[in-house]
Amino acid sequence: MSLVDMVSDHLFNEDTKKSIIDGLNEKVDIPIINERTEEKILTAIYDVIEDVMKKVLAK
Protein backbone atom coordinates (compact mmCIF):
# COMPACT_ATOMS: atom_id res chain seq x y z
CA MET A 1 0.00 0.00 0.00
CA SER A 2 1.43 3.36 -1.01
CA LEU A 3 1.61 6.47 1.14
CA VAL A 4 -1.01 8.11 -1.10
CA ASP A 5 -3.39 5.20 -0.48
CA MET A 6 -2.84 5.37 3.27
CA VAL A 7 -3.43 9.14 3.37
CA SER A 8 -6.48 8.81 1.14
CA ASP A 9 -7.94 6.00 3.29
CA HIS A 10 -7.42 8.05 6.43
CA LEU A 11 -8.83 11.30 5.05
CA PHE A 12 -11.72 9.87 3.11
CA ASN A 13 -13.56 7.37 5.26
CA GLU A 14 -17.08 7.52 6.65
CA ASP A 15 -16.02 8.48 10.21
CA THR A 16 -13.88 11.37 9.01
CA LYS A 17 -16.58 12.48 6.58
CA LYS A 18 -19.19 12.51 9.35
CA SER A 19 -16.91 14.47 11.68
CA ILE A 20 -16.15 17.06 9.02
CA ILE A 21 -19.78 17.44 7.92
CA ASP A 22 -20.99 17.70 11.54
CA GLY A 23 -18.30 20.27 12.37
CA LEU A 24 -19.07 22.38 9.33
CA ASN A 25 -22.80 22.16 9.91
CA GLU A 26 -22.28 23.39 13.45
CA LYS A 27 -20.37 26.45 12.23
CA VAL A 28 -22.37 27.27 9.10
CA ASP A 29 -25.76 28.90 9.54
CA ILE A 30 -27.80 29.84 6.51
CA PRO A 31 -30.92 31.46 8.00
CA ILE A 32 -33.40 30.42 5.30
CA ILE A 33 -32.27 26.77 5.23
CA ASN A 34 -32.86 24.18 7.96
CA GLU A 35 -30.03 22.09 9.42
CA ARG A 36 -30.94 18.97 7.45
CA THR A 37 -30.76 20.83 4.14
CA GLU A 38 -27.47 22.44 5.15
CA GLU A 39 -26.13 18.97 5.88
CA LYS A 40 -27.19 17.74 2.43
CA ILE A 41 -25.46 20.70 0.78
CA LEU A 42 -22.29 20.23 2.82
CA THR A 43 -22.28 16.51 2.04
CA ALA A 44 -22.56 17.22 -1.69
CA ILE A 45 -19.68 19.70 -1.48
CA TYR A 46 -17.60 17.24 0.54
CA ASP A 47 -18.20 14.49 -2.03
CA VAL A 48 -16.99 16.73 -4.85
CA ILE A 49 -13.91 17.80 -2.85
CA GLU A 50 -13.16 14.17 -2.01
CA ASP A 51 -13.35 13.17 -5.67
CA VAL A 52 -11.07 16.01 -6.78
CA MET A 53 -8.58 15.44 -3.95
CA LYS A 54 -8.30 11.74 -4.77
CA LYS A 55 -7.53 12.63 -8.38
CA VAL A 56 -4.91 15.18 -7.32
CA LEU A 57 -3.30 12.76 -4.85
CA ALA A 58 -3.16 10.04 -7.51
CA LYS A 59 -1.02 12.18 -9.83
PDB file of N, CA and C in Angstrom:
ATOM      1  N   MET A   1       0.852  -1.179   0.000  1.00  0.00           N
ATOM      2  CA  MET A   1       0.000   0.000   0.000  1.00  0.00           C
ATOM      3  C   MET A   1       0.900   1.245   0.000  1.00  0.00           C
ATOM      4  N   SER A   2       0.611   2.159  -0.898  1.00  0.00           N
ATOM      5  CA  SER A   2       1.435   3.359  -1.015  1.00  0.00           C
ATOM      6  C   SER A   2       1.028   4.396   0.032  1.00  0.00           C
ATOM      7  N   LEU A   3       1.877   5.374   0.207  1.00  0.00           N
ATOM      8  CA  LEU A   3       1.605   6.467   1.140  1.00  0.00           C
ATOM      9  C   LEU A   3       0.346   7.215   0.711  1.00  0.00           C
ATOM     10  N   VAL A   4       0.174   7.418  -0.584  1.00  0.00           N
ATOM     11  CA  VAL A   4      -1.009   8.107  -1.098  1.00  0.00           C
ATOM     12  C   VAL A   4      -2.272   7.339  -0.721  1.00  0.00           C
ATOM     13  N   ASP A   5      -2.237   6.018  -0.859  1.00  0.00           N
ATOM     14  CA  ASP A   5      -3.394   5.202  -0.484  1.00  0.00           C
ATOM     15  C   ASP A   5      -3.682   5.300   1.003  1.00  0.00           C
ATOM     16  N   MET A   6      -2.653   5.283   1.819  1.00  0.00           N
ATOM     17  CA  MET A   6      -2.842   5.369   3.273  1.00  0.00           C
ATOM     18  C   MET A   6      -3.433   6.719   3.662  1.00  0.00           C
ATOM     19  N   VAL A   7      -2.918   7.797   3.077  1.00  0.00           N
ATOM     20  CA  VAL A   7      -3.434   9.140   3.367  1.00  0.00           C
ATOM     21  C   VAL A   7      -4.879   9.245   2.899  1.00  0.00           C
ATOM     22  N   SER A   8      -5.136   8.757   1.701  1.00  0.00           N
ATOM     23  CA  SER A   8      -6.483   8.805   1.142  1.00  0.00           C
ATOM     24  C   SER A   8      -7.464   8.008   2.010  1.00  0.00           C
ATOM     25  N   ASP A   9      -7.078   6.824   2.430  1.00  0.00           N
ATOM     26  CA  ASP A   9      -7.941   5.999   3.287  1.00  0.00           C
ATOM     27  C   ASP A   9      -8.232   6.677   4.616  1.00  0.00           C
ATOM     28  N   HIS A  10      -7.241   7.366   5.146  1.00  0.00           N
ATOM     29  CA  HIS A  10      -7.420   8.055   6.430  1.00  0.00           C
ATOM     30  C   HIS A  10      -8.312   9.287   6.280  1.00  0.00           C
ATOM     31  N   LEU A  11      -8.076  10.068   5.238  1.00  0.00           N
ATOM     32  CA  LEU A  11      -8.830  11.303   5.054  1.00  0.00           C
ATOM     33  C   LEU A  11     -10.254  11.069   4.577  1.00  0.00           C
ATOM     34  N   PHE A  12     -10.445  10.051   3.774  1.00  0.00           N
ATOM     35  CA  PHE A  12     -11.725   9.868   3.110  1.00  0.00           C
ATOM     36  C   PHE A  12     -12.409   8.563   3.520  1.00  0.00           C
ATOM     37  N   ASN A  13     -12.767   8.498   4.781  1.00  0.00           N
ATOM     38  CA  ASN A  13     -13.559   7.370   5.261  1.00  0.00           C
ATOM     39  C   ASN A  13     -14.840   7.924   5.885  1.00  0.00           C
ATOM     40  N   GLU A  14     -15.769   7.069   6.177  1.00  0.00           N
ATOM     41  CA  GLU A  14     -17.080   7.523   6.653  1.00  0.00           C
ATOM     42  C   GLU A  14     -17.017   8.255   7.999  1.00  0.00           C
ATOM     43  N   ASP A  15     -16.134   7.815   8.899  1.00  0.00           N
ATOM     44  CA  ASP A  15     -16.022   8.480  10.209  1.00  0.00           C
ATOM     45  C   ASP A  15     -15.485   9.899  10.053  1.00  0.00           C
ATOM     46  N   THR A  16     -14.453  10.043   9.240  1.00  0.00           N
ATOM     47  CA  THR A  16     -13.879  11.370   9.008  1.00  0.00           C
ATOM     48  C   THR A  16     -14.888  12.264   8.316  1.00  0.00           C
ATOM     49  N   LYS A  17     -15.566  11.711   7.310  1.00  0.00           N
ATOM     50  CA  LYS A  17     -16.580  12.476   6.579  1.00  0.00           C
ATOM     51  C   LYS A  17     -17.651  12.989   7.536  1.00  0.00           C
ATOM     52  N   LYS A  18     -18.150  12.112   8.398  1.00  0.00           N
ATOM     53  CA  LYS A  18     -19.195  12.510   9.350  1.00  0.00           C
ATOM     54  C   LYS A  18     -18.698  13.601  10.291  1.00  0.00           C
ATOM     55  N   SER A  19     -17.472  13.466  10.775  1.00  0.00           N
ATOM     56  CA  SER A  19     -16.908  14.473  11.680  1.00  0.00           C
ATOM     57  C   SER A  19     -16.784  15.823  10.991  1.00  0.00           C
ATOM     58  N   ILE A  20     -16.323  15.809   9.757  1.00  0.00           N
ATOM     59  CA  ILE A  20     -16.152  17.062   9.017  1.00  0.00           C
ATOM     60  C   ILE A  20     -17.509  17.698   8.723  1.00  0.00           C
ATOM     61  N   ILE A  21     -18.448  16.912   8.237  1.00  0.00           N
ATOM     62  CA  ILE A  21     -19.778  17.440   7.920  1.00  0.00           C
ATOM     63  C   ILE A  21     -20.457  17.972   9.178  1.00  0.00           C
ATOM     64  N   ASP A  22     -20.388  17.237  10.273  1.00  0.00           N
ATOM     65  CA  ASP A  22     -20.988  17.699  11.536  1.00  0.00           C
ATOM     66  C   ASP A  22     -20.340  18.992  12.014  1.00  0.00           C
ATOM     67  N   GLY A  23     -19.008  19.061  11.942  1.00  0.00           N
ATOM     68  CA  GLY A  23     -18.299  20.269  12.372  1.00  0.00           C
ATOM     69  C   GLY A  23     -18.651  21.477  11.527  1.00  0.00           C
ATOM     70  N   LEU A  24     -18.700  21.276  10.219  1.00  0.00           N
ATOM     71  CA  LEU A  24     -19.067  22.377   9.333  1.00  0.00           C
ATOM     72  C   LEU A  24     -20.513  22.804   9.557  1.00  0.00           C
ATOM     73  N   ASN A  25     -21.392  21.841   9.713  1.00  0.00           N
ATOM     74  CA  ASN A  25     -22.805  22.157   9.909  1.00  0.00           C
ATOM     75  C   ASN A  25     -23.028  22.927  11.205  1.00  0.00           C
ATOM     76  N   GLU A  26     -22.211  22.652  12.190  1.00  0.00           N
ATOM     77  CA  GLU A  26     -22.283  23.388  13.455  1.00  0.00           C
ATOM     78  C   GLU A  26     -21.902  24.852  13.274  1.00  0.00           C
ATOM     79  N   LYS A  27     -20.904  25.097  12.420  1.00  0.00           N
ATOM     80  CA  LYS A  27     -20.371  26.446  12.231  1.00  0.00           C
ATOM     81  C   LYS A  27     -21.107  27.263  11.171  1.00  0.00           C
ATOM     82  N   VAL A  28     -21.701  26.579  10.195  1.00  0.00           N
ATOM     83  CA  VAL A  28     -22.368  27.271   9.095  1.00  0.00           C
ATOM     84  C   VAL A  28     -23.844  27.429   9.431  1.00  0.00           C
ATOM     85  N   ASP A  29     -24.345  28.655   9.301  1.00  0.00           N
ATOM     86  CA  ASP A  29     -25.760  28.902   9.538  1.00  0.00           C
ATOM     87  C   ASP A  29     -26.307  29.753   8.395  1.00  0.00           C
ATOM     88  N   ILE A  30     -27.120  29.127   7.582  1.00  0.00           N
ATOM     89  CA  ILE A  30     -27.797  29.842   6.512  1.00  0.00           C
ATOM     90  C   ILE A  30     -29.244  30.004   6.981  1.00  0.00           C
ATOM     91  N   PRO A  31     -29.634  31.225   7.331  1.00  0.00           N
ATOM     92  CA  PRO A  31     -30.922  31.457   8.004  1.00  0.00           C
ATOM     93  C   PRO A  31     -32.154  30.887   7.304  1.00  0.00           C
ATOM     94  N   ILE A  32     -32.187  30.869   5.993  1.00  0.00           N
ATOM     95  CA  ILE A  32     -33.402  30.425   5.304  1.00  0.00           C
ATOM     96  C   ILE A  32     -33.429  28.918   5.030  1.00  0.00           C
ATOM     97  N   ILE A  33     -32.381  28.207   5.471  1.00  0.00           N
ATOM     98  CA  ILE A  33     -32.274  26.767   5.226  1.00  0.00           C
ATOM     99  C   ILE A  33     -32.183  26.040   6.566  1.00  0.00           C
ATOM    100  N   ASN A  34     -32.926  24.940   6.700  1.00  0.00           N
ATOM    101  CA  ASN A  34     -32.862  24.182   7.955  1.00  0.00           C
ATOM    102  C   ASN A  34     -31.570  23.349   8.015  1.00  0.00           C
ATOM    103  N   GLU A  35     -31.287  22.822   9.178  1.00  0.00           N
ATOM    104  CA  GLU A  35     -30.033  22.088   9.419  1.00  0.00           C
ATOM    105  C   GLU A  35     -29.888  20.864   8.512  1.00  0.00           C
ATOM    106  N   ARG A  36     -30.988  20.177   8.279  1.00  0.00           N
ATOM    107  CA  ARG A  36     -30.937  18.965   7.447  1.00  0.00           C
ATOM    108  C   ARG A  36     -30.548  19.312   6.003  1.00  0.00           C
ATOM    109  N   THR A  37     -31.095  20.401   5.490  1.00  0.00           N
ATOM    110  CA  THR A  37     -30.763  20.829   4.137  1.00  0.00           C
ATOM    111  C   THR A  37     -29.318  21.304   4.072  1.00  0.00           C
ATOM    112  N   GLU A  38     -28.877  22.022   5.095  1.00  0.00           N
ATOM    113  CA  GLU A  38     -27.466  22.436   5.152  1.00  0.00           C
ATOM    114  C   GLU A  38     -26.559  21.214   5.117  1.00  0.00           C
ATOM    115  N   GLU A  39     -26.930  20.185   5.853  1.00  0.00           N
ATOM    116  CA  GLU A  39     -26.127  18.965   5.882  1.00  0.00           C
ATOM    117  C   GLU A  39     -26.066  18.323   4.491  1.00  0.00           C
ATOM    118  N   LYS A  40     -27.175  18.298   3.790  1.00  0.00           N
ATOM    119  CA  LYS A  40     -27.187  17.739   2.434  1.00  0.00           C
ATOM    120  C   LYS A  40     -26.275  18.530   1.504  1.00  0.00           C
ATOM    121  N   ILE A  41     -26.310  19.844   1.613  1.00  0.00           N
ATOM    122  CA  ILE A  41     -25.462  20.701   0.782  1.00  0.00           C
ATOM    123  C   ILE A  41     -23.988  20.469   1.115  1.00  0.00           C
ATOM    124  N   LEU A  42     -23.669  20.448   2.398  1.00  0.00           N
ATOM    125  CA  LEU A  42     -22.286  20.228   2.817  1.00  0.00           C
ATOM    126  C   LEU A  42     -21.788  18.845   2.400  1.00  0.00           C
ATOM    127  N   THR A  43     -22.654  17.856   2.462  1.00  0.00           N
ATOM    128  CA  THR A  43     -22.279  16.508   2.040  1.00  0.00           C
ATOM    129  C   THR A  43     -21.984  16.480   0.548  1.00  0.00           C
ATOM    130  N   ALA A  44     -22.794  17.161  -0.241  1.00  0.00           N
ATOM    131  CA  ALA A  44     -22.564  17.218  -1.687  1.00  0.00           C
ATOM    132  C   ALA A  44     -21.239  17.909  -1.989  1.00  0.00           C
ATOM    133  N   ILE A  45     -20.955  18.996  -1.288  1.00  0.00           N
ATOM    134  CA  ILE A  45     -19.685  19.702  -1.477  1.00  0.00           C
ATOM    135  C   ILE A  45     -18.523  18.815  -1.063  1.00  0.00           C
ATOM    136  N   TYR A  46     -18.647  18.145   0.064  1.00  0.00           N
ATOM    137  CA  TYR A  46     -17.603  17.243   0.539  1.00  0.00           C
ATOM    138  C   TYR A  46     -17.322  16.151  -0.488  1.00  0.00           C
ATOM    139  N   ASP A  47     -18.374  15.570  -1.050  1.00  0.00           N
ATOM    140  CA  ASP A  47     -18.204  14.489  -2.027  1.00  0.00           C
ATOM    141  C   ASP A  47     -17.438  14.963  -3.255  1.00  0.00           C
ATOM    142  N   VAL A  48     -17.714  16.175  -3.701  1.00  0.00           N
ATOM    143  CA  VAL A  48     -16.990  16.731  -4.847  1.00  0.00           C
ATOM    144  C   VAL A  48     -15.525  16.968  -4.477  1.00  0.00           C
ATOM    145  N   ILE A  49     -15.286  17.547  -3.307  1.00  0.00           N
ATOM    146  CA  ILE A  49     -13.914  17.798  -2.855  1.00  0.00           C
ATOM    147  C   ILE A  49     -13.153  16.489  -2.716  1.00  0.00           C
ATOM    148  N   GLU A  50     -13.797  15.477  -2.158  1.00  0.00           N
ATOM    149  CA  GLU A  50     -13.158  14.168  -2.011  1.00  0.00           C
ATOM    150  C   GLU A  50     -12.747  13.613  -3.373  1.00  0.00           C
ATOM    151  N   ASP A  51     -13.637  13.685  -4.331  1.00  0.00           N
ATOM    152  CA  ASP A  51     -13.348  13.171  -5.668  1.00  0.00           C
ATOM    153  C   ASP A  51     -12.159  13.902  -6.295  1.00  0.00           C
ATOM    154  N   VAL A  52     -12.154  15.212  -6.199  1.00  0.00           N
ATOM    155  CA  VAL A  52     -11.066  16.007  -6.776  1.00  0.00           C
ATOM    156  C   VAL A  52      -9.757  15.738  -6.049  1.00  0.00           C
ATOM    157  N   MET A  53      -9.804  15.676  -4.724  1.00  0.00           N
ATOM    158  CA  MET A  53      -8.580  15.439  -3.950  1.00  0.00           C
ATOM    159  C   MET A  53      -7.978  14.073  -4.264  1.00  0.00           C
ATOM    160  N   LYS A  54      -8.809  13.070  -4.424  1.00  0.00           N
ATOM    161  CA  LYS A  54      -8.297  11.743  -4.768  1.00  0.00           C
ATOM    162  C   LYS A  54      -7.597  11.754  -6.120  1.00  0.00           C
ATOM    163  N   LYS A  55      -8.157  12.501  -7.069  1.00  0.00           N
ATOM    164  CA  LYS A  55      -7.528  12.626  -8.384  1.00  0.00           C
ATOM    165  C   LYS A  55      -6.192  13.353  -8.284  1.00  0.00           C
ATOM    166  N   VAL A  56      -6.147  14.405  -7.488  1.00  0.00           N
ATOM    167  CA  VAL A  56      -4.915  15.179  -7.315  1.00  0.00           C
ATOM    168  C   VAL A  56      -3.851  14.326  -6.615  1.00  0.00           C
ATOM    169  N   LEU A  57      -4.245  13.604  -5.578  1.00  0.00           N
ATOM    170  CA  LEU A  57      -3.296  12.763  -4.854  1.00  0.00           C
ATOM    171  C   LEU A  57      -2.751  11.624  -5.722  1.00  0.00           C
ATOM    172  N   ALA A  58      -3.568  11.170  -6.664  1.00  0.00           N
ATOM    173  CA  ALA A  58      -3.165  10.045  -7.515  1.00  0.00           C
ATOM    174  C   ALA A  58      -2.144  10.437  -8.579  1.00  0.00           C
ATOM    175  N   LYS A  59      -1.976  11.718  -8.809  1.00  0.00           N
ATOM    176  CA  LYS A  59      -1.015  12.179  -9.834  1.00  0.00           C
ATOM    177  C   LYS A  59       0.403  11.941  -9.406  1.00  0.00           C
TER     178      LYS A  59
END
